[in-house]
Amino acid sequence: GEATTKISGIEPNPVFPDKYIATYDQPFN
């Protein structure tokens, strides 16, 4: 399988605070 990064959680989008973006574990691990 292609390398990917595990999503560990979410946090507010710094540009659009009413939206969310992912937080990640070790990149491409």
mmCIF file of all heavy atoms, coordinates in Angstrom:
data_MODEL
# 
_entry.id   MODEL 
# 
loop_
_atom_site.group_PDB 
_atom_site.id 
_atom_site.type_symbol 
_atom_site.label_atom_id 
_atom_site.label_alt_id 
_atom_site.label_comp_id 
_atom_site.label_asym_id 
_atom_site.label_entity_id 
_atom_site.label_seq_id 
_atom_site.pdbx_PDB_ins_code 
_atom_site.Cartn_x 
_atom_site.Cartn_y 
_atom_site.Cartn_z 
_atom_site.occupancy 
_atom_site.B_iso_or_equiv 
_atom_site.pdbx_formal_charge 
_atom_site.auth_seq_id 
_atom_site.auth_comp_id 
_atom_site.auth_asym_id 
_atom_site.auth_atom_id 
_atom_site.pdbx_PDB_model_num 
ATOM 1   N N   . GLY A 1 1  ? 0.823   -1.201 0.000  1.00 0.00 ? 1  GLY A N   1 
ATOM 2   C CA  . GLY A 1 1  ? 0.000   0.000  0.000  1.00 0.00 ? 1  GLY A CA  1 
ATOM 3   C C   . GLY A 1 1  ? 0.858   1.252  0.000  1.00 0.00 ? 1  GLY A C   1 
ATOM 4   O O   . GLY A 1 1  ? 1.964   1.272  0.544  1.00 0.00 ? 1  GLY A O   1 
ATOM 5   N N   . GLU A 1 2  ? 0.341   2.307  -0.622 1.00 0.00 ? 2  GLU A N   1 
ATOM 6   C CA  . GLU A 1 2  ? 1.079   3.563  -0.704 1.00 0.00 ? 2  GLU A CA  1 
ATOM 7   C C   . GLU A 1 2  ? 1.276   4.155  0.691  1.00 0.00 ? 2  GLU A C   1 
ATOM 8   O O   . GLU A 1 2  ? 0.436   4.008  1.577  1.00 0.00 ? 2  GLU A O   1 
ATOM 9   C CB  . GLU A 1 2  ? 0.315   4.539  -1.590 1.00 0.00 ? 2  GLU A CB  1 
ATOM 10  C CG  . GLU A 1 2  ? 1.125   5.722  -2.062 1.00 0.00 ? 2  GLU A CG  1 
ATOM 11  C CD  . GLU A 1 2  ? 0.408   6.498  -3.147 1.00 0.00 ? 2  GLU A CD  1 
ATOM 12  O OE1 . GLU A 1 2  ? 0.348   6.016  -4.293 1.00 0.00 ? 2  GLU A OE1 1 
ATOM 13  O OE2 . GLU A 1 2  ? -0.106  7.601  -2.843 1.00 0.00 ? 2  GLU A OE2 1 
ATOM 14  N N   . ALA A 1 3  ? 2.418   4.820  0.860  1.00 0.00 ? 3  ALA A N   1 
ATOM 15  C CA  . ALA A 1 3  ? 2.697   5.462  2.144  1.00 0.00 ? 3  ALA A CA  1 
ATOM 16  C C   . ALA A 1 3  ? 1.635   6.516  2.445  1.00 0.00 ? 3  ALA A C   1 
ATOM 17  O O   . ALA A 1 3  ? 1.197   7.255  1.570  1.00 0.00 ? 3  ALA A O   1 
ATOM 18  C CB  . ALA A 1 3  ? 4.080   6.104  2.115  1.00 0.00 ? 3  ALA A CB  1 
ATOM 19  N N   . THR A 1 4  ? 1.215   6.571  3.696  1.00 0.00 ? 4  THR A N   1 
ATOM 20  C CA  . THR A 1 4  ? 0.225   7.553  4.112  1.00 0.00 ? 4  THR A CA  1 
ATOM 21  C C   . THR A 1 4  ? 0.547   7.986  5.537  1.00 0.00 ? 4  THR A C   1 
ATOM 22  O O   . THR A 1 4  ? 1.434   7.420  6.187  1.00 0.00 ? 4  THR A O   1 
ATOM 23  C CB  . THR A 1 4  ? -1.199  6.971  4.023  1.00 0.00 ? 4  THR A CB  1 
ATOM 24  O OG1 . THR A 1 4  ? -2.161  8.003  4.272  1.00 0.00 ? 4  THR A OG1 1 
ATOM 25  C CG2 . THR A 1 4  ? -1.407  5.857  5.038  1.00 0.00 ? 4  THR A CG2 1 
ATOM 26  N N   . THR A 1 5  ? -0.156  8.982  6.004  1.00 0.00 ? 5  THR A N   1 
ATOM 27  C CA  . THR A 1 5  ? 0.058   9.495  7.356  1.00 0.00 ? 5  THR A CA  1 
ATOM 28  C C   . THR A 1 5  ? -1.213  9.303  8.167  1.00 0.00 ? 5  THR A C   1 
ATOM 29  O O   . THR A 1 5  ? -2.290  9.746  7.753  1.00 0.00 ? 5  THR A O   1 
ATOM 30  C CB  . THR A 1 5  ? 0.434   10.988 7.328  1.00 0.00 ? 5  THR A CB  1 
ATOM 31  O OG1 . THR A 1 5  ? 1.590   11.156 6.498  1.00 0.00 ? 5  THR A OG1 1 
ATOM 32  C CG2 . THR A 1 5  ? 0.748   11.490 8.728  1.00 0.00 ? 5  THR A CG2 1 
ATOM 33  N N   . LYS A 1 6  ? -1.088  8.648  9.305  1.00 0.00 ? 6  LYS A N   1 
ATOM 34  C CA  . LYS A 1 6  ? -2.248  8.370  10.136 1.00 0.00 ? 6  LYS A CA  1 
ATOM 35  C C   . LYS A 1 6  ? -2.790  9.654  10.755 1.00 0.00 ? 6  LYS A C   1 
ATOM 36  O O   . LYS A 1 6  ? -2.053  10.467 11.301 1.00 0.00 ? 6  LYS A O   1 
ATOM 37  C CB  . LYS A 1 6  ? -1.881  7.386  11.236 1.00 0.00 ? 6  LYS A CB  1 
ATOM 38  C CG  . LYS A 1 6  ? -3.069  6.929  12.074 1.00 0.00 ? 6  LYS A CG  1 
ATOM 39  C CD  . LYS A 1 6  ? -2.640  5.897  13.096 1.00 0.00 ? 6  LYS A CD  1 
ATOM 40  C CE  . LYS A 1 6  ? -3.828  5.430  13.932 1.00 0.00 ? 6  LYS A CE  1 
ATOM 41  N NZ  . LYS A 1 6  ? -3.426  4.422  14.938 1.00 0.00 ? 6  LYS A NZ  1 
ATOM 42  N N   . ILE A 1 7  ? -4.105  9.838  10.628 1.00 0.00 ? 7  ILE A N   1 
ATOM 43  C CA  . ILE A 1 7  ? -4.768  10.989 11.242 1.00 0.00 ? 7  ILE A CA  1 
ATOM 44  C C   . ILE A 1 7  ? -5.088  10.650 12.690 1.00 0.00 ? 7  ILE A C   1 
ATOM 45  O O   . ILE A 1 7  ? -5.754  9.659  12.983 1.00 0.00 ? 7  ILE A O   1 
ATOM 46  C CB  . ILE A 1 7  ? -6.045  11.349 10.469 1.00 0.00 ? 7  ILE A CB  1 
ATOM 47  C CG1 . ILE A 1 7  ? -5.673  11.824 9.055  1.00 0.00 ? 7  ILE A CG1 1 
ATOM 48  C CG2 . ILE A 1 7  ? -6.848  12.414 11.202 1.00 0.00 ? 7  ILE A CG2 1 
ATOM 49  C CD1 . ILE A 1 7  ? -6.859  12.136 8.173  1.00 0.00 ? 7  ILE A CD1 1 
ATOM 50  N N   . SER A 1 8  ? -4.583  11.471 13.610 1.00 0.00 ? 8  SER A N   1 
ATOM 51  C CA  . SER A 1 8  ? -4.752  11.188 15.036 1.00 0.00 ? 8  SER A CA  1 
ATOM 52  C C   . SER A 1 8  ? -5.857  12.005 15.686 1.00 0.00 ? 8  SER A C   1 
ATOM 53  O O   . SER A 1 8  ? -6.330  11.672 16.776 1.00 0.00 ? 8  SER A O   1 
ATOM 54  C CB  . SER A 1 8  ? -3.434  11.455 15.774 1.00 0.00 ? 8  SER A CB  1 
ATOM 55  O OG  . SER A 1 8  ? -3.019  12.803 15.594 1.00 0.00 ? 8  SER A OG  1 
ATOM 56  N N   . GLY A 1 9  ? -6.279  13.089 15.039 1.00 0.00 ? 9  GLY A N   1 
ATOM 57  C CA  . GLY A 1 9  ? -7.305  13.929 15.645 1.00 0.00 ? 9  GLY A CA  1 
ATOM 58  C C   . GLY A 1 9  ? -7.661  15.085 14.732 1.00 0.00 ? 9  GLY A C   1 
ATOM 59  O O   . GLY A 1 9  ? -7.308  15.101 13.553 1.00 0.00 ? 9  GLY A O   1 
ATOM 60  N N   . ILE A 1 10 ? -8.360  16.058 15.292 1.00 0.00 ? 10 ILE A N   1 
ATOM 61  C CA  . ILE A 1 10 ? -8.750  17.243 14.532 1.00 0.00 ? 10 ILE A CA  1 
ATOM 62  C C   . ILE A 1 10 ? -8.480  18.480 15.355 1.00 0.00 ? 10 ILE A C   1 
ATOM 63  O O   . ILE A 1 10 ? -8.349  18.423 16.595 1.00 0.00 ? 10 ILE A O   1 
ATOM 64  C CB  . ILE A 1 10 ? -10.243 17.207 14.118 1.00 0.00 ? 10 ILE A CB  1 
ATOM 65  C CG1 . ILE A 1 10 ? -11.130 17.096 15.357 1.00 0.00 ? 10 ILE A CG1 1 
ATOM 66  C CG2 . ILE A 1 10 ? -10.504 16.072 13.141 1.00 0.00 ? 10 ILE A CG2 1 
ATOM 67  C CD1 . ILE A 1 10 ? -12.622 17.208 15.035 1.00 0.00 ? 10 ILE A CD1 1 
ATOM 68  N N   . GLU A 1 11 ? -8.394  19.621 14.667 1.00 0.00 ? 11 GLU A N   1 
ATOM 69  C CA  . GLU A 1 11 ? -8.237  20.910 15.327 1.00 0.00 ? 11 GLU A CA  1 
ATOM 70  C C   . GLU A 1 11 ? -8.884  21.975 14.453 1.00 0.00 ? 11 GLU A C   1 
ATOM 71  O O   . GLU A 1 11 ? -9.086  21.754 13.247 1.00 0.00 ? 11 GLU A O   1 
ATOM 72  C CB  . GLU A 1 11 ? -6.761  21.230 15.562 1.00 0.00 ? 11 GLU A CB  1 
ATOM 73  C CG  . GLU A 1 11 ? -5.955  21.383 14.286 1.00 0.00 ? 11 GLU A CG  1 
ATOM 74  C CD  . GLU A 1 11 ? -4.483  21.645 14.562 1.00 0.00 ? 11 GLU A CD  1 
ATOM 75  O OE1 . GLU A 1 11 ? -4.073  21.519 15.727 1.00 0.00 ? 11 GLU A OE1 1 
ATOM 76  O OE2 . GLU A 1 11 ? -3.756  21.972 13.605 1.00 0.00 ? 11 GLU A OE2 1 
ATOM 77  N N   . PRO A 1 12 ? -9.224  23.144 15.032 1.00 0.00 ? 12 PRO A N   1 
ATOM 78  C CA  . PRO A 1 12 ? -9.851  24.196 14.224 1.00 0.00 ? 12 PRO A CA  1 
ATOM 79  C C   . PRO A 1 12 ? -8.940  24.628 13.081 1.00 0.00 ? 12 PRO A C   1 
ATOM 80  O O   . PRO A 1 12 ? -7.720  24.718 13.230 1.00 0.00 ? 12 PRO A O   1 
ATOM 81  C CB  . PRO A 1 12 ? -10.069 25.333 15.230 1.00 0.00 ? 12 PRO A CB  1 
ATOM 82  C CG  . PRO A 1 12 ? -10.134 24.645 16.557 1.00 0.00 ? 12 PRO A CG  1 
ATOM 83  C CD  . PRO A 1 12 ? -9.180  23.495 16.461 1.00 0.00 ? 12 PRO A CD  1 
ATOM 84  N N   . ASN A 1 13 ? -9.548  24.882 11.939 1.00 0.00 ? 13 ASN A N   1 
ATOM 85  C CA  . ASN A 1 13 ? -8.824  25.386 10.785 1.00 0.00 ? 13 ASN A CA  1 
ATOM 86  C C   . ASN A 1 13 ? -8.327  26.800 11.105 1.00 0.00 ? 13 ASN A C   1 
ATOM 87  O O   . ASN A 1 13 ? -9.126  27.672 11.441 1.00 0.00 ? 13 ASN A O   1 
ATOM 88  C CB  . ASN A 1 13 ? -9.761  25.413 9.564  1.00 0.00 ? 13 ASN A CB  1 
ATOM 89  C CG  . ASN A 1 13 ? -9.053  25.733 8.269  1.00 0.00 ? 13 ASN A CG  1 
ATOM 90  O OD1 . ASN A 1 13 ? -8.145  26.543 8.220  1.00 0.00 ? 13 ASN A OD1 1 
ATOM 91  N ND2 . ASN A 1 13 ? -9.498  25.087 7.206  1.00 0.00 ? 13 ASN A ND2 1 
ATOM 92  N N   . PRO A 1 14 ? -7.011  27.064 11.027 1.00 0.00 ? 14 PRO A N   1 
ATOM 93  C CA  . PRO A 1 14 ? -6.508  28.393 11.418 1.00 0.00 ? 14 PRO A CA  1 
ATOM 94  C C   . PRO A 1 14 ? -7.002  29.511 10.509 1.00 0.00 ? 14 PRO A C   1 
ATOM 95  O O   . PRO A 1 14 ? -7.032  30.672 10.930 1.00 0.00 ? 14 PRO A O   1 
ATOM 96  C CB  . PRO A 1 14 ? -4.984  28.229 11.309 1.00 0.00 ? 14 PRO A CB  1 
ATOM 97  C CG  . PRO A 1 14 ? -4.779  27.073 10.388 1.00 0.00 ? 14 PRO A CG  1 
ATOM 98  C CD  . PRO A 1 14 ? -5.936  26.159 10.613 1.00 0.00 ? 14 PRO A CD  1 
ATOM 99  N N   . VAL A 1 15 ? -7.400  29.211 9.295  1.00 0.00 ? 15 VAL A N   1 
ATOM 100 C CA  . VAL A 1 15 ? -7.885  30.240 8.370  1.00 0.00 ? 15 VAL A CA  1 
ATOM 101 C C   . VAL A 1 15 ? -9.395  30.384 8.470  1.00 0.00 ? 15 VAL A C   1 
ATOM 102 O O   . VAL A 1 15 ? -9.936  31.487 8.395  1.00 0.00 ? 15 VAL A O   1 
ATOM 103 C CB  . VAL A 1 15 ? -7.466  29.899 6.924  1.00 0.00 ? 15 VAL A CB  1 
ATOM 104 C CG1 . VAL A 1 15 ? -7.935  30.988 5.954  1.00 0.00 ? 15 VAL A CG1 1 
ATOM 105 C CG2 . VAL A 1 15 ? -5.953  29.725 6.831  1.00 0.00 ? 15 VAL A CG2 1 
ATOM 106 N N   . PHE A 1 16 ? -10.090 29.257 8.685  1.00 0.00 ? 16 PHE A N   1 
ATOM 107 C CA  . PHE A 1 16 ? -11.557 29.249 8.799  1.00 0.00 ? 16 PHE A CA  1 
ATOM 108 C C   . PHE A 1 16 ? -11.909 28.554 10.112 1.00 0.00 ? 16 PHE A C   1 
ATOM 109 O O   . PHE A 1 16 ? -12.116 27.332 10.146 1.00 0.00 ? 16 PHE A O   1 
ATOM 110 C CB  . PHE A 1 16 ? -12.184 28.519 7.606  1.00 0.00 ? 16 PHE A CB  1 
ATOM 111 C CG  . PHE A 1 16 ? -11.782 29.096 6.275  1.00 0.00 ? 16 PHE A CG  1 
ATOM 112 C CD1 . PHE A 1 16 ? -10.777 28.499 5.536  1.00 0.00 ? 16 PHE A CD1 1 
ATOM 113 C CD2 . PHE A 1 16 ? -12.399 30.233 5.779  1.00 0.00 ? 16 PHE A CD2 1 
ATOM 114 C CE1 . PHE A 1 16 ? -10.400 29.019 4.307  1.00 0.00 ? 16 PHE A CE1 1 
ATOM 115 C CE2 . PHE A 1 16 ? -12.028 30.763 4.554  1.00 0.00 ? 16 PHE A CE2 1 
ATOM 116 C CZ  . PHE A 1 16 ? -11.023 30.165 3.817  1.00 0.00 ? 16 PHE A CZ  1 
ATOM 117 N N   . PRO A 1 17 ? -11.971 29.289 11.228 1.00 0.00 ? 17 PRO A N   1 
ATOM 118 C CA  . PRO A 1 17 ? -12.107 28.692 12.565 1.00 0.00 ? 17 PRO A CA  1 
ATOM 119 C C   . PRO A 1 17 ? -13.354 27.844 12.763 1.00 0.00 ? 17 PRO A C   1 
ATOM 120 O O   . PRO A 1 17 ? -13.394 27.014 13.671 1.00 0.00 ? 17 PRO A O   1 
ATOM 121 C CB  . PRO A 1 17 ? -12.124 29.919 13.493 1.00 0.00 ? 17 PRO A CB  1 
ATOM 122 C CG  . PRO A 1 17 ? -11.442 31.002 12.712 1.00 0.00 ? 17 PRO A CG  1 
ATOM 123 C CD  . PRO A 1 17 ? -11.818 30.753 11.284 1.00 0.00 ? 17 PRO A CD  1 
ATOM 124 N N   . ASP A 1 18 ? -14.406 28.027 11.932 1.00 0.00 ? 18 ASP A N   1 
ATOM 125 C CA  . ASP A 1 18 ? -15.615 27.220 12.090 1.00 0.00 ? 18 ASP A CA  1 
ATOM 126 C C   . ASP A 1 18 ? -15.488 25.869 11.388 1.00 0.00 ? 18 ASP A C   1 
ATOM 127 O O   . ASP A 1 18 ? -16.414 25.061 11.415 1.00 0.00 ? 18 ASP A O   1 
ATOM 128 C CB  . ASP A 1 18 ? -16.829 27.973 11.562 1.00 0.00 ? 18 ASP A CB  1 
ATOM 129 C CG  . ASP A 1 18 ? -16.686 28.352 10.094 1.00 0.00 ? 18 ASP A CG  1 
ATOM 130 O OD1 . ASP A 1 18 ? -15.537 28.538 9.644  1.00 0.00 ? 18 ASP A OD1 1 
ATOM 131 O OD2 . ASP A 1 18 ? -17.714 28.461 9.412  1.00 0.00 ? 18 ASP A OD2 1 
ATOM 132 N N   . LYS A 1 19 ? -14.337 25.632 10.767 1.00 0.00 ? 19 LYS A N   1 
ATOM 133 C CA  . LYS A 1 19 ? -14.061 24.361 10.114 1.00 0.00 ? 19 LYS A CA  1 
ATOM 134 C C   . LYS A 1 19 ? -12.924 23.660 10.857 1.00 0.00 ? 19 LYS A C   1 
ATOM 135 O O   . LYS A 1 19 ? -12.286 24.235 11.729 1.00 0.00 ? 19 LYS A O   1 
ATOM 136 C CB  . LYS A 1 19 ? -13.682 24.565 8.637  1.00 0.00 ? 19 LYS A CB  1 
ATOM 137 C CG  . LYS A 1 19 ? -14.684 25.390 7.846  1.00 0.00 ? 19 LYS A CG  1 
ATOM 138 C CD  . LYS A 1 19 ? -16.016 24.682 7.683  1.00 0.00 ? 19 LYS A CD  1 
ATOM 139 C CE  . LYS A 1 19 ? -16.971 25.494 6.827  1.00 0.00 ? 19 LYS A CE  1 
ATOM 140 N NZ  . LYS A 1 19 ? -18.290 24.846 6.664  1.00 0.00 ? 19 LYS A NZ  1 
ATOM 141 N N   . TYR A 1 20 ? -12.674 22.397 10.475 1.00 0.00 ? 20 TYR A N   1 
ATOM 142 C CA  . TYR A 1 20 ? -11.642 21.609 11.141 1.00 0.00 ? 20 TYR A CA  1 
ATOM 143 C C   . TYR A 1 20 ? -10.655 21.040 10.117 1.00 0.00 ? 20 TYR A C   1 
ATOM 144 O O   . TYR A 1 20 ? -11.002 20.796 8.955  1.00 0.00 ? 20 TYR A O   1 
ATOM 145 C CB  . TYR A 1 20 ? -12.274 20.452 11.916 1.00 0.00 ? 20 TYR A CB  1 
ATOM 146 C CG  . TYR A 1 20 ? -13.107 20.893 13.098 1.00 0.00 ? 20 TYR A CG  1 
ATOM 147 C CD1 . TYR A 1 20 ? -14.469 21.175 12.933 1.00 0.00 ? 20 TYR A CD1 1 
ATOM 148 C CD2 . TYR A 1 20 ? -12.548 21.048 14.357 1.00 0.00 ? 20 TYR A CD2 1 
ATOM 149 C CE1 . TYR A 1 20 ? -15.249 21.584 14.000 1.00 0.00 ? 20 TYR A CE1 1 
ATOM 150 C CE2 . TYR A 1 20 ? -13.320 21.460 15.433 1.00 0.00 ? 20 TYR A CE2 1 
ATOM 151 C CZ  . TYR A 1 20 ? -14.667 21.730 15.248 1.00 0.00 ? 20 TYR A CZ  1 
ATOM 152 O OH  . TYR A 1 20 ? -15.429 22.141 16.320 1.00 0.00 ? 20 TYR A OH  1 
ATOM 153 N N   . ILE A 1 21 ? -9.438  20.842 10.588 1.00 0.00 ? 21 ILE A N   1 
ATOM 154 C CA  . ILE A 1 21 ? -8.425  20.153 9.792  1.00 0.00 ? 21 ILE A CA  1 
ATOM 155 C C   . ILE A 1 21 ? -7.859  19.010 10.623 1.00 0.00 ? 21 ILE A C   1 
ATOM 156 O O   . ILE A 1 21 ? -8.060  18.941 11.847 1.00 0.00 ? 21 ILE A O   1 
ATOM 157 C CB  . ILE A 1 21 ? -7.288  21.097 9.355  1.00 0.00 ? 21 ILE A CB  1 
ATOM 158 C CG1 . ILE A 1 21 ? -6.573  21.687 10.576 1.00 0.00 ? 21 ILE A CG1 1 
ATOM 159 C CG2 . ILE A 1 21 ? -7.813  22.193 8.451  1.00 0.00 ? 21 ILE A CG2 1 
ATOM 160 C CD1 . ILE A 1 21 ? -5.345  22.502 10.220 1.00 0.00 ? 21 ILE A CD1 1 
ATOM 161 N N   . ALA A 1 22 ? -7.158  18.116 9.965  1.00 0.00 ? 22 ALA A N   1 
ATOM 162 C CA  . ALA A 1 22 ? -6.621  16.932 10.640 1.00 0.00 ? 22 ALA A CA  1 
ATOM 163 C C   . ALA A 1 22 ? -5.322  17.252 11.373 1.00 0.00 ? 22 ALA A C   1 
ATOM 164 O O   . ALA A 1 22 ? -4.562  18.140 10.982 1.00 0.00 ? 22 ALA A O   1 
ATOM 165 C CB  . ALA A 1 22 ? -6.374  15.823 9.619  1.00 0.00 ? 22 ALA A CB  1 
ATOM 166 N N   . THR A 1 23 ? -5.080  16.511 12.444 1.00 0.00 ? 23 THR A N   1 
ATOM 167 C CA  . THR A 1 23 ? -3.756  16.455 13.068 1.00 0.00 ? 23 THR A CA  1 
ATOM 168 C C   . THR A 1 23 ? -3.195  15.064 12.805 1.00 0.00 ? 23 THR A C   1 
ATOM 169 O O   . THR A 1 23 ? -3.936  14.082 12.706 1.00 0.00 ? 23 THR A O   1 
ATOM 170 C CB  . THR A 1 23 ? -3.821  16.726 14.576 1.00 0.00 ? 23 THR A CB  1 
ATOM 171 O OG1 . THR A 1 23 ? -4.697  15.759 15.202 1.00 0.00 ? 23 THR A OG1 1 
ATOM 172 C CG2 . THR A 1 23 ? -4.362  18.117 14.843 1.00 0.00 ? 23 THR A CG2 1 
ATOM 173 N N   . TYR A 1 24 ? -1.865  14.983 12.687 1.00 0.00 ? 24 TYR A N   1 
ATOM 174 C CA  . TYR A 1 24 ? -1.256  13.769 12.163 1.00 0.00 ? 24 TYR A CA  1 
ATOM 175 C C   . TYR A 1 24 ? -0.232  13.174 13.122 1.00 0.00 ? 24 TYR A C   1 
ATOM 176 O O   . TYR A 1 24 ? 0.381   13.875 13.938 1.00 0.00 ? 24 TYR A O   1 
ATOM 177 C CB  . TYR A 1 24 ? -0.560  14.069 10.826 1.00 0.00 ? 24 TYR A CB  1 
ATOM 178 C CG  . TYR A 1 24 ? -1.500  14.509 9.734  1.00 0.00 ? 24 TYR A CG  1 
ATOM 179 C CD1 . TYR A 1 24 ? -1.735  15.863 9.497  1.00 0.00 ? 24 TYR A CD1 1 
ATOM 180 C CD2 . TYR A 1 24 ? -2.151  13.584 8.929  1.00 0.00 ? 24 TYR A CD2 1 
ATOM 181 C CE1 . TYR A 1 24 ? -2.592  16.282 8.482  1.00 0.00 ? 24 TYR A CE1 1 
ATOM 182 C CE2 . TYR A 1 24 ? -3.015  13.985 7.918  1.00 0.00 ? 24 TYR A CE2 1 
ATOM 183 C CZ  . TYR A 1 24 ? -3.226  15.332 7.701  1.00 0.00 ? 24 TYR A CZ  1 
ATOM 184 O OH  . TYR A 1 24 ? -4.075  15.746 6.709  1.00 0.00 ? 24 TYR A OH  1 
ATOM 185 N N   . ASP A 1 25 ? -0.037  11.856 12.969 1.00 0.00 ? 25 ASP A N   1 
ATOM 186 C CA  . ASP A 1 25 ? 1.087   11.168 13.600 1.00 0.00 ? 25 ASP A CA  1 
ATOM 187 C C   . ASP A 1 25 ? 2.335   11.425 12.760 1.00 0.00 ? 25 ASP A C   1 
ATOM 188 O O   . ASP A 1 25 ? 2.383   12.365 11.976 1.00 0.00 ? 25 ASP A O   1 
ATOM 189 C CB  . ASP A 1 25 ? 0.793   9.666  13.700 1.00 0.00 ? 25 ASP A CB  1 
ATOM 190 C CG  . ASP A 1 25 ? -0.201  9.350  14.819 1.00 0.00 ? 25 ASP A CG  1 
ATOM 191 O OD1 . ASP A 1 25 ? -0.480  10.246 15.641 1.00 0.00 ? 25 ASP A OD1 1 
ATOM 192 O OD2 . ASP A 1 25 ? -0.721  8.225  14.840 1.00 0.00 ? 25 ASP A OD2 1 
ATOM 193 N N   . GLN A 1 26 ? 3.326   10.551 12.894 1.00 0.00 ? 26 GLN A N   1 
ATOM 194 C CA  . GLN A 1 26 ? 4.553   10.712 12.131 1.00 0.00 ? 26 GLN A CA  1 
ATOM 195 C C   . GLN A 1 26 ? 4.274   10.697 10.633 1.00 0.00 ? 26 GLN A C   1 
ATOM 196 O O   . GLN A 1 26 ? 3.576   9.812  10.133 1.00 0.00 ? 26 GLN A O   1 
ATOM 197 C CB  . GLN A 1 26 ? 5.536   9.595  12.477 1.00 0.00 ? 26 GLN A CB  1 
ATOM 198 C CG  . GLN A 1 26 ? 6.092   9.677  13.895 1.00 0.00 ? 26 GLN A CG  1 
ATOM 199 C CD  . GLN A 1 26 ? 6.914   10.941 14.106 1.00 0.00 ? 26 GLN A CD  1 
ATOM 200 O OE1 . GLN A 1 26 ? 7.712   11.325 13.258 1.00 0.00 ? 26 GLN A OE1 1 
ATOM 201 N NE2 . GLN A 1 26 ? 6.701   11.597 15.241 1.00 0.00 ? 26 GLN A NE2 1 
ATOM 202 N N   . PRO A 1 27 ? 4.803   11.665 9.880  1.00 0.00 ? 27 PRO A N   1 
ATOM 203 C CA  . PRO A 1 27 ? 4.505   11.756 8.443  1.00 0.00 ? 27 PRO A CA  1 
ATOM 204 C C   . PRO A 1 27 ? 4.907   10.496 7.671  1.00 0.00 ? 27 PRO A C   1 
ATOM 205 O O   . PRO A 1 27 ? 6.000   9.959  7.863  1.00 0.00 ? 27 PRO A O   1 
ATOM 206 C CB  . PRO A 1 27 ? 5.333   12.968 7.994  1.00 0.00 ? 27 PRO A CB  1 
ATOM 207 C CG  . PRO A 1 27 ? 5.524   13.779 9.236  1.00 0.00 ? 27 PRO A CG  1 
ATOM 208 C CD  . PRO A 1 27 ? 5.635   12.784 10.346 1.00 0.00 ? 27 PRO A CD  1 
ATOM 209 N N   . PHE A 1 28 ? 4.014   10.019 6.847  1.00 0.00 ? 28 PHE A N   1 
ATOM 210 C CA  . PHE A 1 28 ? 4.237   8.893  5.938  1.00 0.00 ? 28 PHE A CA  1 
ATOM 211 C C   . PHE A 1 28 ? 4.758   7.654  6.665  1.00 0.00 ? 28 PHE A C   1 
ATOM 212 O O   . PHE A 1 28 ? 5.538   6.877  6.114  1.00 0.00 ? 28 PHE A O   1 
ATOM 213 C CB  . PHE A 1 28 ? 5.205   9.302  4.814  1.00 0.00 ? 28 PHE A CB  1 
ATOM 214 C CG  . PHE A 1 28 ? 4.779   10.546 4.093  1.00 0.00 ? 28 PHE A CG  1 
ATOM 215 C CD1 . PHE A 1 28 ? 5.543   11.708 4.152  1.00 0.00 ? 28 PHE A CD1 1 
ATOM 216 C CD2 . PHE A 1 28 ? 3.599   10.577 3.376  1.00 0.00 ? 28 PHE A CD2 1 
ATOM 217 C CE1 . PHE A 1 28 ? 5.147   12.860 3.503  1.00 0.00 ? 28 PHE A CE1 1 
ATOM 218 C CE2 . PHE A 1 28 ? 3.191   11.725 2.706  1.00 0.00 ? 28 PHE A CE2 1 
ATOM 219 C CZ  . PHE A 1 28 ? 3.974   12.872 2.783  1.00 0.00 ? 28 PHE A CZ  1 
ATOM 220 N N   . ASN A 1 29 ? 4.294   7.482  7.909  1.00 0.00 ? 29 ASN A N   1 
ATOM 221 C CA  . ASN A 1 29 ? 4.751   6.360  8.732  1.00 0.00 ? 29 ASN A CA  1 
ATOM 222 C C   . ASN A 1 29 ? 3.730   5.229  8.762  1.00 0.00 ? 29 ASN A C   1 
ATOM 223 O O   . ASN A 1 29 ? 3.877   4.261  9.503  1.00 0.00 ? 29 ASN A O   1 
ATOM 224 C CB  . ASN A 1 29 ? 5.039   6.845  10.161 1.00 0.00 ? 29 ASN A CB  1 
ATOM 225 C CG  . ASN A 1 29 ? 5.964   5.911  10.906 1.00 0.00 ? 29 ASN A CG  1 
ATOM 226 O OD1 . ASN A 1 29 ? 6.839   5.299  10.300 1.00 0.00 ? 29 ASN A OD1 1 
ATOM 227 N ND2 . ASN A 1 29 ? 5.772   5.803  12.208 1.00 0.00 ? 29 ASN A ND2 1 
# 
